[in-house]
């Protein structure tokens, strides 16, 4: 319930897209989608929120680093160090 309230606040403040359609996975052949709880479906808005938070440097202590600083896509989002 807290997640829904948080998403509503972000949506109403204009931080999330209004579209809340179910996320459609685009995966390579032979790769199945990860299991998700039936009562908490993955939506386009949640994916967009995750993307914004992942690249947001304002979340760091001094505002200079985001998760993407170390967890680069070219390294499958793992820390290459």
C-alpha atoms as a PDB file:
ATOM      1  CA  UNK A   1       0.000   0.000   0.000  1.00  0.00           C
ATOM      2  CA  UNK A   2       2.869   2.424   0.727  1.00  0.00           C
ATOM      3  CA  UNK A   3       4.268   1.838  -2.771  1.00  0.00           C
ATOM      4  CA  UNK A   4       0.952   2.807  -4.345  1.00  0.00           C
ATOM      5  CA  UNK A   5       0.742   5.953  -2.199  1.00  0.00           C
ATOM      6  CA  UNK A   6       4.320   6.889  -3.130  1.00  0.00           C
ATOM      7  CA  UNK A   7       3.650   6.306  -6.831  1.00  0.00           C
ATOM      8  CA  UNK A   8       0.472   8.399  -6.595  1.00  0.00           C
ATOM      9  CA  UNK A   9       2.417  11.275  -5.042  1.00  0.00           C
ATOM     10  CA  UNK A  10       5.070  11.100  -7.757  1.00  0.00           C
ATOM     11  CA  UNK A  11       2.415  10.902 -10.470  1.00  0.00           C
ATOM     12  CA  UNK A  12       0.433  13.846  -9.121  1.00  0.00           C
ATOM     13  CA  UNK A  13       3.619  15.908  -8.807  1.00  0.00           C
ATOM     14  CA  UNK A  14       4.412  15.263 -12.478  1.00  0.00           C
ATOM     15  CA  UNK A  15       7.414  12.984 -11.906  1.00  0.00           C
ATOM     16  CA  UNK A  16       5.830   9.952 -13.592  1.00  0.00           C
ATOM     17  CA  UNK A  17       4.041   9.450 -16.882  1.00  0.00           C
ATOM     18  CA  UNK A  18       0.275   9.097 -16.545  1.00  0.00           C
ATOM     19  CA  UNK A  19       0.324   5.841 -18.477  1.00  0.00           C
ATOM     20  CA  UNK A  20       0.097   2.894 -16.092  1.00  0.00           C
ATOM     21  CA  UNK A  21      -0.150   0.100 -18.637  1.00  0.00           C
ATOM     22  CA  UNK A  22       1.409  -3.247 -17.880  1.00  0.00           C
ATOM     23  CA  UNK A  23       5.067  -3.394 -18.879  1.00  0.00           C
ATOM     24  CA  UNK A  24       5.809  -5.557 -21.907  1.00  0.00           C
ATOM     25  CA  UNK A  25       9.144  -7.315 -21.767  1.00  0.00           C
ATOM     26  CA  UNK A  26      11.395  -7.362 -24.845  1.00  0.00           C
ATOM     27  CA  UNK A  27      13.776 -10.227 -24.169  1.00  0.00           C
ATOM     28  CA  UNK A  28      16.046 -12.353 -26.349  1.00  0.00           C
ATOM     29  CA  UNK A  29      14.814 -15.762 -27.456  1.00  0.00           C
ATOM     30  CA  UNK A  30      15.132 -18.314 -24.677  1.00  0.00           C
ATOM     31  CA  UNK A  31      15.116 -15.731 -21.872  1.00  0.00           C
ATOM     32  CA  UNK A  32      11.981 -15.706 -19.771  1.00  0.00           C
ATOM     33  CA  UNK A  33      10.627 -12.740 -17.854  1.00  0.00           C
ATOM     34  CA  UNK A  34      11.441 -12.700 -14.136  1.00  0.00           C
ATOM     35  CA  UNK A  35       8.700 -13.817 -11.745  1.00  0.00           C
ATOM     36  CA  UNK A  36       6.589 -10.973 -10.394  1.00  0.00           C
ATOM     37  CA  UNK A  37       3.934 -10.973  -7.666  1.00  0.00           C
ATOM     38  CA  UNK A  38       0.410 -11.064  -9.082  1.00  0.00           C
ATOM     39  CA  UNK A  39      -0.757  -8.343  -6.694  1.00  0.00           C
ATOM     40  CA  UNK A  40       1.996  -5.901  -7.756  1.00  0.00           C
ATOM     41  CA  UNK A  41       2.243  -5.922 -11.567  1.00  0.00           C
ATOM     42  CA  UNK A  42       5.106  -4.177 -13.310  1.00  0.00           C
ATOM     43  CA  UNK A  43       3.855  -1.058 -15.087  1.00  0.00           C
ATOM     44  CA  UNK A  44       5.353   1.415 -17.494  1.00  0.00           C
ATOM     45  CA  UNK A  45       5.262   4.060 -14.749  1.00  0.00           C
ATOM     46  CA  UNK A  46       7.239   1.863 -12.346  1.00  0.00           C
ATOM     47  CA  UNK A  47       9.863   1.110 -15.001  1.00  0.00           C
ATOM     48  CA  UNK A  48      10.203   4.823 -15.768  1.00  0.00           C
ATOM     49  CA  UNK A  49      10.540   5.627 -12.060  1.00  0.00           C
ATOM     50  CA  UNK A  50      13.281   3.014 -11.686  1.00  0.00           C
ATOM     51  CA  UNK A  51      15.116   4.395 -14.698  1.00  0.00           C
ATOM     52  CA  UNK A  52      14.946   7.953 -13.350  1.00  0.00           C
ATOM     53  CA  UNK A  53      16.144   6.925  -9.902  1.00  0.00           C
ATOM     54  CA  UNK A  54      18.990   4.797 -11.338  1.00  0.00           C
ATOM     55  CA  UNK A  55      20.408   7.777 -13.261  1.00  0.00           C
ATOM     56  CA  UNK A  56      19.639  10.456 -10.633  1.00  0.00           C
ATOM     57  CA  UNK A  57      22.826  11.796  -9.042  1.00  0.00           C
ATOM     58  CA  UNK A  58      20.815  13.902  -6.581  1.00  0.00           C
ATOM     59  CA  UNK A  59      20.257  10.768  -4.500  1.00  0.00           C
ATOM     60  CA  UNK A  60      23.941  10.541  -3.554  1.00  0.00           C
ATOM     61  CA  UNK A  61      25.373  12.188  -0.446  1.00  0.00           C
ATOM     62  CA  UNK A  62      27.073  14.969  -2.410  1.00  0.00           C
ATOM     63  CA  UNK A  63      24.896  14.958  -5.549  1.00  0.00           C
ATOM     64  CA  UNK A  64      27.640  13.823  -7.915  1.00  0.00           C
ATOM     65  CA  UNK A  65      27.068  10.089  -8.384  1.00  0.00           C
ATOM     66  CA  UNK A  66      24.155   7.984  -9.530  1.00  0.00           C
ATOM     67  CA  UNK A  67      23.863   4.205  -9.464  1.00  0.00           C
ATOM     68  CA  UNK A  68      24.773   4.305 -13.171  1.00  0.00           C
ATOM     69  CA  UNK A  69      28.155   5.855 -12.315  1.00  0.00           C
ATOM     70  CA  UNK A  70      29.482   2.440 -11.244  1.00  0.00           C
ATOM     71  CA  UNK A  71      26.842   0.056 -12.579  1.00  0.00           C
ATOM     72  CA  UNK A  72      27.327   0.667 -16.280  1.00  0.00           C
ATOM     73  CA  UNK A  73      25.091  -0.839 -18.938  1.00  0.00           C
ATOM     74  CA  UNK A  74      28.121  -2.023 -20.936  1.00  0.00           C
ATOM     75  CA  UNK A  75      28.974  -4.258 -17.948  1.00  0.00           C
ATOM     76  CA  UNK A  76      25.420  -5.659 -17.670  1.00  0.00           C
ATOM     77  CA  UNK A  77      24.749  -3.083 -14.906  1.00  0.00           C
ATOM     78  CA  UNK A  78      27.335  -4.763 -12.666  1.00  0.00           C
ATOM     79  CA  UNK A  79      30.137  -2.861 -10.993  1.00  0.00           C
ATOM     80  CA  UNK A  80      33.134  -3.517 -13.239  1.00  0.00           C
ATOM     81  CA  UNK A  81      35.564  -2.953 -10.396  1.00  0.00           C
END
